[in-house]
PDB file of N, CA and C in Angstrom:
ATOM      1  N   UNK A   1     -73.967  16.377  95.490  1.00  0.00           N
ATOM      2  CA  UNK A   1     -74.092  17.825  95.479  1.00  0.00           C
ATOM      3  C   UNK A   1     -73.389  18.441  96.696  1.00  0.00           C
ATOM      4  N   UNK A   2     -73.343  17.696  97.776  1.00  0.00           N
ATOM      5  CA  UNK A   2     -72.717  18.208  98.986  1.00  0.00           C
ATOM      6  C   UNK A   2     -71.228  18.475  98.772  1.00  0.00           C
ATOM      7  N   UNK A   3     -70.580  17.605  98.001  1.00  0.00           N
ATOM      8  CA  UNK A   3     -69.161  17.795  97.710  1.00  0.00           C
ATOM      9  C   UNK A   3     -68.939  19.070  96.895  1.00  0.00           C
ATOM     10  N   UNK A   4     -69.843  19.338  95.947  1.00  0.00           N
ATOM     11  CA  UNK A   4     -69.729  20.563  95.147  1.00  0.00           C
ATOM     12  C   UNK A   4     -69.895  21.799  96.021  1.00  0.00           C
ATOM     13  N   UNK A   5     -70.860  21.750  96.928  1.00  0.00           N
ATOM     14  CA  UNK A   5     -71.064  22.893  97.824  1.00  0.00           C
ATOM     15  C   UNK A   5     -69.850  23.121  98.710  1.00  0.00           C
ATOM     16  N   UNK A   6     -69.261  22.031  99.189  1.00  0.00           N
ATOM     17  CA  UNK A   6     -68.060  22.170 100.012  1.00  0.00           C
ATOM     18  C   UNK A   6     -66.915  22.768  99.214  1.00  0.00           C
ATOM     19  N   UNK A   7     -66.768  22.351  97.960  1.00  0.00           N
ATOM     20  CA  UNK A   7     -65.719  22.897  97.103  1.00  0.00           C
ATOM     21  C   UNK A   7     -65.954  24.375  96.818  1.00  0.00           C
ATOM     22  N   UNK A   8     -67.199  24.740  96.568  1.00  0.00           N
ATOM     23  CA  UNK A   8     -67.533  26.144  96.315  1.00  0.00           C
ATOM     24  C   UNK A   8     -67.237  26.983  97.554  1.00  0.00           C
ATOM     25  N   UNK A   9     -67.594  26.474  98.724  1.00  0.00           N
ATOM     26  CA  UNK A   9     -67.312  27.201  99.967  1.00  0.00           C
ATOM     27  C   UNK A   9     -65.816  27.310 100.221  1.00  0.00           C
ATOM     28  N   UNK A  10     -65.080  26.246  99.911  1.00  0.00           N
ATOM     29  CA  UNK A  10     -63.628  26.274 100.075  1.00  0.00           C
ATOM     30  C   UNK A  10     -62.998  27.327  99.164  1.00  0.00           C
ATOM     31  N   UNK A  11     -63.488  27.433  97.935  1.00  0.00           N
ATOM     32  CA  UNK A  11     -62.980  28.466  97.028  1.00  0.00           C
ATOM     33  C   UNK A  11     -63.241  29.863  97.587  1.00  0.00           C
ATOM     34  N   UNK A  12     -64.405  30.059  98.178  1.00  0.00           N
ATOM     35  CA  UNK A  12     -64.712  31.349  98.776  1.00  0.00           C
ATOM     36  C   UNK A  12     -63.785  31.689  99.928  1.00  0.00           C
ATOM     37  N   UNK A  13     -63.515  30.711 100.770  1.00  0.00           N
ATOM     38  CA  UNK A  13     -62.610  30.931 101.905  1.00  0.00           C
ATOM     39  C   UNK A  13     -61.198  31.230 101.413  1.00  0.00           C
ATOM     40  N   UNK A  14     -60.744  30.456 100.425  1.00  0.00           N
ATOM     41  CA  UNK A  14     -59.404  30.688  99.877  1.00  0.00           C
ATOM     42  C   UNK A  14     -59.306  32.074  99.242  1.00  0.00           C
ATOM     43  N   UNK A  15     -60.363  32.498  98.551  1.00  0.00           N
ATOM     44  CA  UNK A  15     -60.358  33.817  97.926  1.00  0.00           C
ATOM     45  C   UNK A  15     -60.222  34.912  98.977  1.00  0.00           C
ATOM     46  N   UNK A  16     -60.969  34.784 100.058  1.00  0.00           N
ATOM     47  CA  UNK A  16     -60.894  35.786 101.129  1.00  0.00           C
ATOM     48  C   UNK A  16     -59.501  35.804 101.751  1.00  0.00           C
ATOM     49  N   UNK A  17     -58.914  34.627 101.945  1.00  0.00           N
ATOM     50  CA  UNK A  17     -57.571  34.560 102.531  1.00  0.00           C
ATOM     51  C   UNK A  17     -56.549  35.221 101.616  1.00  0.00           C
ATOM     52  N   UNK A  18     -56.597  34.888 100.317  1.00  0.00           N
ATOM     53  CA  UNK A  18     -55.643  35.484  99.379  1.00  0.00           C
ATOM     54  C   UNK A  18     -55.821  36.998  99.281  1.00  0.00           C
ATOM     55  N   UNK A  19     -57.066  37.458  99.252  1.00  0.00           N
ATOM     56  CA  UNK A  19     -57.300  38.903  99.199  1.00  0.00           C
ATOM     57  C   UNK A  19     -56.800  39.587 100.467  1.00  0.00           C
ATOM     58  N   UNK A  20     -57.049  38.985 101.614  1.00  0.00           N
ATOM     59  CA  UNK A  20     -56.598  39.579 102.876  1.00  0.00           C
ATOM     60  C   UNK A  20     -55.079  39.645 102.940  1.00  0.00           C
ATOM     61  N   UNK A  21     -54.419  38.575 102.530  1.00  0.00           N
ATOM     62  CA  UNK A  21     -52.951  38.576 102.536  1.00  0.00           C
ATOM     63  C   UNK A  21     -52.419  39.611 101.552  1.00  0.00           C
ATOM     64  N   UNK A  22     -53.018  39.657 100.360  1.00  0.00           N
ATOM     65  CA  UNK A  22     -52.564  40.613  99.349  1.00  0.00           C
ATOM     66  C   UNK A  22     -52.733  42.051  99.794  1.00  0.00           C
ATOM     67  N   UNK A  23     -53.869  42.352 100.400  1.00  0.00           N
ATOM     68  CA  UNK A  23     -54.109  43.724 100.859  1.00  0.00           C
ATOM     69  C   UNK A  23     -53.184  44.063 102.022  1.00  0.00           C
ATOM     70  N   UNK A  24     -52.930  43.090 102.889  1.00  0.00           N
ATOM     71  CA  UNK A  24     -52.029  43.318 104.018  1.00  0.00           C
ATOM     72  C   UNK A  24     -50.607  43.597 103.545  1.00  0.00           C
ATOM     73  N   UNK A  25     -50.154  42.874 102.534  1.00  0.00           N
ATOM     74  CA  UNK A  25     -48.783  43.043 102.045  1.00  0.00           C
ATOM     75  C   UNK A  25     -48.609  44.265 101.146  1.00  0.00           C
ATOM     76  N   UNK A  26     -49.708  44.844 100.689  1.00  0.00           N
ATOM     77  CA  UNK A  26     -49.638  45.958  99.746  1.00  0.00           C
ATOM     78  C   UNK A  26     -48.994  47.184 100.390  1.00  0.00           C
ATOM     79  N   UNK A  27     -47.984  47.702  99.735  1.00  0.00           N
ATOM     80  CA  UNK A  27     -47.300  48.902 100.200  1.00  0.00           C
ATOM     81  C   UNK A  27     -47.832  50.076  99.387  1.00  0.00           C
ATOM     82  N   UNK A  28     -48.684  50.888 100.016  1.00  0.00           N
ATOM     83  CA  UNK A  28     -49.298  51.996  99.287  1.00  0.00           C
ATOM     84  C   UNK A  28     -48.371  53.197  99.168  1.00  0.00           C
ATOM     85  N   UNK A  29     -47.322  53.231  99.969  1.00  0.00           N
ATOM     86  CA  UNK A  29     -46.393  54.354  99.881  1.00  0.00           C
ATOM     87  C   UNK A  29     -45.552  54.279  98.614  1.00  0.00           C
ATOM     88  N   UNK A  30     -45.296  53.067  98.163  1.00  0.00           N
ATOM     89  CA  UNK A  30     -44.521  52.885  96.936  1.00  0.00           C
ATOM     90  C   UNK A  30     -45.252  51.868  96.053  1.00  0.00           C
ATOM     91  N   UNK A  31     -46.202  52.345  95.250  1.00  0.00           N
ATOM     92  CA  UNK A  31     -47.023  51.416  94.470  1.00  0.00           C
ATOM     93  C   UNK A  31     -46.346  50.900  93.198  1.00  0.00           C
ATOM     94  N   UNK A  32     -45.112  50.482  93.315  1.00  0.00           N
ATOM     95  CA  UNK A  32     -44.419  49.940  92.146  1.00  0.00           C
ATOM     96  C   UNK A  32     -44.519  48.424  92.161  1.00  0.00           C
ATOM     97  N   UNK A  33     -44.289  47.832  91.014  1.00  0.00           N
ATOM     98  CA  UNK A  33     -44.352  46.383  90.911  1.00  0.00           C
ATOM     99  C   UNK A  33     -43.239  45.725  91.725  1.00  0.00           C
ATOM    100  N   UNK A  34     -42.080  46.370  91.791  1.00  0.00           N
ATOM    101  CA  UNK A  34     -40.904  45.770  92.424  1.00  0.00           C
ATOM    102  C   UNK A  34     -41.147  45.426  93.891  1.00  0.00           C
ATOM    103  N   UNK A  35     -41.838  46.262  94.609  1.00  0.00           N
ATOM    104  CA  UNK A  35     -42.039  46.006  96.028  1.00  0.00           C
ATOM    105  C   UNK A  35     -43.329  45.287  96.359  1.00  0.00           C
ATOM    106  N   UNK A  36     -44.183  45.126  95.386  1.00  0.00           N
ATOM    107  CA  UNK A  36     -45.517  44.598  95.671  1.00  0.00           C
ATOM    108  C   UNK A  36     -45.878  43.347  94.875  1.00  0.00           C
ATOM    109  N   UNK A  37     -44.877  42.572  94.444  1.00  0.00           N
ATOM    110  CA  UNK A  37     -45.196  41.400  93.616  1.00  0.00           C
ATOM    111  C   UNK A  37     -46.112  40.432  94.345  1.00  0.00           C
ATOM    112  N   UNK A  38     -45.784  40.137  95.597  1.00  0.00           N
ATOM    113  CA  UNK A  38     -46.578  39.172  96.362  1.00  0.00           C
ATOM    114  C   UNK A  38     -47.979  39.707  96.634  1.00  0.00           C
ATOM    115  N   UNK A  39     -48.073  40.989  96.900  1.00  0.00           N
ATOM    116  CA  UNK A  39     -49.381  41.580  97.160  1.00  0.00           C
ATOM    117  C   UNK A  39     -50.254  41.528  95.915  1.00  0.00           C
ATOM    118  N   UNK A  40     -49.694  41.912  94.774  1.00  0.00           N
ATOM    119  CA  UNK A  40     -50.457  41.874  93.530  1.00  0.00           C
ATOM    120  C   UNK A  40     -50.830  40.444  93.161  1.00  0.00           C
ATOM    121  N   UNK A  41     -49.931  39.499  93.400  1.00  0.00           N
ATOM    122  CA  UNK A  41     -50.227  38.092  93.115  1.00  0.00           C
ATOM    123  C   UNK A  41     -51.361  37.587  94.012  1.00  0.00           C
ATOM    124  N   UNK A  42     -51.344  37.970  95.273  1.00  0.00           N
ATOM    125  CA  UNK A  42     -52.406  37.560  96.189  1.00  0.00           C
ATOM    126  C   UNK A  42     -53.751  38.152  95.820  1.00  0.00           C
ATOM    127  N   UNK A  43     -53.757  39.422  95.470  1.00  0.00           N
ATOM    128  CA  UNK A  43     -55.006  40.079  95.082  1.00  0.00           C
ATOM    129  C   UNK A  43     -55.538  39.475  93.789  1.00  0.00           C
ATOM    130  N   UNK A  44     -54.654  39.247  92.816  1.00  0.00           N
ATOM    131  CA  UNK A  44     -55.068  38.649  91.549  1.00  0.00           C
ATOM    132  C   UNK A  44     -55.611  37.240  91.769  1.00  0.00           C
ATOM    133  N   UNK A  45     -54.938  36.458  92.592  1.00  0.00           N
ATOM    134  CA  UNK A  45     -55.408  35.099  92.887  1.00  0.00           C
ATOM    135  C   UNK A  45     -56.776  35.131  93.562  1.00  0.00           C
ATOM    136  N   UNK A  46     -56.956  36.055  94.476  1.00  0.00           N
ATOM    137  CA  UNK A  46     -58.244  36.174  95.154  1.00  0.00           C
ATOM    138  C   UNK A  46     -59.370  36.528  94.206  1.00  0.00           C
ATOM    139  N   UNK A  47     -59.108  37.451  93.294  1.00  0.00           N
ATOM    140  CA  UNK A  47     -60.129  37.847  92.318  1.00  0.00           C
ATOM    141  C   UNK A  47     -60.458  36.685  91.382  1.00  0.00           C
ATOM    142  N   UNK A  48     -59.434  35.950  90.953  1.00  0.00           N
ATOM    143  CA  UNK A  48     -59.662  34.793  90.078  1.00  0.00           C
ATOM    144  C   UNK A  48     -60.482  33.728  90.806  1.00  0.00           C
ATOM    145  N   UNK A  49     -60.177  33.484  92.070  1.00  0.00           N
ATOM    146  CA  UNK A  49     -60.937  32.493  92.836  1.00  0.00           C
ATOM    147  C   UNK A  49     -62.385  32.926  93.051  1.00  0.00           C
ATOM    148  N   UNK A  50     -62.615  34.216  93.242  1.00  0.00           N
ATOM    149  CA  UNK A  50     -63.988  34.708  93.377  1.00  0.00           C
ATOM    150  C   UNK A  50     -64.750  34.492  92.076  1.00  0.00           C
ATOM    151  N   UNK A  51     -64.103  34.782  90.945  1.00  0.00           N
ATOM    152  CA  UNK A  51     -64.752  34.562  89.651  1.00  0.00           C
ATOM    153  C   UNK A  51     -65.036  33.077  89.430  1.00  0.00           C
ATOM    154  N   UNK A  52     -64.079  32.222  89.776  1.00  0.00           N
ATOM    155  CA  UNK A  52     -64.265  30.779  89.629  1.00  0.00           C
ATOM    156  C   UNK A  52     -65.395  30.283  90.528  1.00  0.00           C
ATOM    157  N   UNK A  53     -65.473  30.809  91.734  1.00  0.00           N
ATOM    158  CA  UNK A  53     -66.552  30.426  92.653  1.00  0.00           C
ATOM    159  C   UNK A  53     -67.905  30.833  92.092  1.00  0.00           C
ATOM    160  N   UNK A  54     -67.981  32.035  91.516  1.00  0.00           N
ATOM    161  CA  UNK A  54     -69.229  32.515  90.926  1.00  0.00           C
ATOM    162  C   UNK A  54     -69.669  31.598  89.787  1.00  0.00           C
ATOM    163  N   UNK A  55     -68.734  31.228  88.915  1.00  0.00           N
ATOM    164  CA  UNK A  55     -69.060  30.366  87.776  1.00  0.00           C
ATOM    165  C   UNK A  55     -69.493  28.979  88.252  1.00  0.00           C
ATOM    166  N   UNK A  56     -68.772  28.421  89.217  1.00  0.00           N
ATOM    167  CA  UNK A  56     -69.122  27.088  89.717  1.00  0.00           C
ATOM    168  C   UNK A  56     -70.479  27.092  90.419  1.00  0.00           C
ATOM    169  N   UNK A  57     -70.774  28.160  91.152  1.00  0.00           N
ATOM    170  CA  UNK A  57     -72.051  28.249  91.846  1.00  0.00           C
ATOM    171  C   UNK A  57     -73.201  28.344  90.845  1.00  0.00           C
ATOM    172  N   UNK A  58     -72.995  29.119  89.792  1.00  0.00           N
ATOM    173  CA  UNK A  58     -74.017  29.260  88.756  1.00  0.00           C
ATOM    174  C   UNK A  58     -74.241  27.929  88.043  1.00  0.00           C
ATOM    175  N   UNK A  59     -73.158  27.231  87.741  1.00  0.00           N
ATOM    176  CA  UNK A  59     -73.262  25.936  87.070  1.00  0.00           C
ATOM    177  C   UNK A  59     -73.961  24.915  87.962  1.00  0.00           C
ATOM    178  N   UNK A  60     -73.664  24.921  89.248  1.00  0.00           N
ATOM    179  CA  UNK A  60     -74.309  23.996  90.183  1.00  0.00           C
ATOM    180  C   UNK A  60     -75.804  24.271  90.273  1.00  0.00           C
ATOM    181  N   UNK A  61     -76.195  25.534  90.268  1.00  0.00           N
ATOM    182  CA  UNK A  61     -77.622  25.873  90.303  1.00  0.00           C
ATOM    183  C   UNK A  61     -78.325  25.398  89.040  1.00  0.00           C
ATOM    184  N   UNK A  62     -77.662  25.577  87.882  1.00  0.00           N
ATOM    185  CA  UNK A  62     -78.257  25.127  86.626  1.00  0.00           C
ATOM    186  C   UNK A  62     -78.410  23.613  86.612  1.00  0.00           C
ATOM    187  N   UNK A  63     -77.421  22.896  87.134  1.00  0.00           N
ATOM    188  CA  UNK A  63     -77.510  21.435  87.189  1.00  0.00           C
ATOM    189  C   UNK A  63     -78.617  20.995  88.139  1.00  0.00           C
ATOM    190  N   UNK A  64     -78.782  21.707  89.248  1.00  0.00           N
ATOM    191  CA  UNK A  64     -79.850  21.366  90.188  1.00  0.00           C
ATOM    192  C   UNK A  64     -81.217  21.597  89.569  1.00  0.00           C
ATOM    193  N   UNK A  65     -81.389  22.716  88.890  1.00  0.00           N
ATOM    194  CA  UNK A  65     -82.685  22.990  88.272  1.00  0.00           C
ATOM    195  C   UNK A  65     -82.955  22.011  87.137  1.00  0.00           C
ATOM    196  N   UNK A  66     -81.924  21.591  86.432  1.00  0.00           N
ATOM    197  CA  UNK A  66     -82.092  20.598  85.372  1.00  0.00           C
ATOM    198  C   UNK A  66     -82.463  19.242  85.923  1.00  0.00           C
ATOM    199  N   UNK A  67     -81.870  18.848  87.031  1.00  0.00           N
ATOM    200  CA  UNK A  67     -82.192  17.548  87.628  1.00  0.00           C
ATOM    201  C   UNK A  67     -83.588  17.565  88.241  1.00  0.00           C
ATOM    202  N   UNK A  68     -84.036  18.718  88.744  1.00  0.00           N
ATOM    203  CA  UNK A  68     -85.389  18.819  89.284  1.00  0.00           C
ATOM    204  C   UNK A  68     -86.422  18.677  88.177  1.00  0.00           C
ATOM    205  N   UNK A  69     -86.159  19.252  87.026  1.00  0.00           N
ATOM    206  CA  UNK A  69     -87.086  19.151  85.905  1.00  0.00           C
ATOM    207  C   UNK A  69     -87.117  17.733  85.354  1.00  0.00           C
ATOM    208  N   UNK A  70     -85.988  17.060  85.361  1.00  0.00           N
ATOM    209  CA  UNK A  70     -85.939  15.691  84.855  1.00  0.00           C
ATOM    210  C   UNK A  70     -86.663  14.720  85.776  1.00  0.00           C
ATOM    211  N   UNK A  71     -86.691  15.000  87.064  1.00  0.00           N
ATOM    212  CA  UNK A  71     -87.326  14.088  88.010  1.00  0.00           C
ATOM    213  C   UNK A  71     -88.839  14.227  88.027  1.00  0.00           C
ATOM    214  N   UNK A  72     -89.374  15.295  87.467  1.00  0.00           N
ATOM    215  CA  UNK A  72     -90.836  15.508  87.475  1.00  0.00           C
ATOM    216  C   UNK A  72     -91.520  14.727  86.414  1.00  0.00           C
TER     217      UNK A  72
END
């Protein structure tokens, strides 16, 4: 379970890094796709990683509660 927690935490850190880079690169003066490809890619990657982290965390909790019930 410790490896899963480390992976979940790593996904969270990566998501924050991608979001920070994407927001930093975002050019709000010219919000066109042409100048902001990297920013949009970073923001999208960060959002996807946050969603993946949420799903993995929920699945890990369900597996933990299932293993606790089986051990009783």
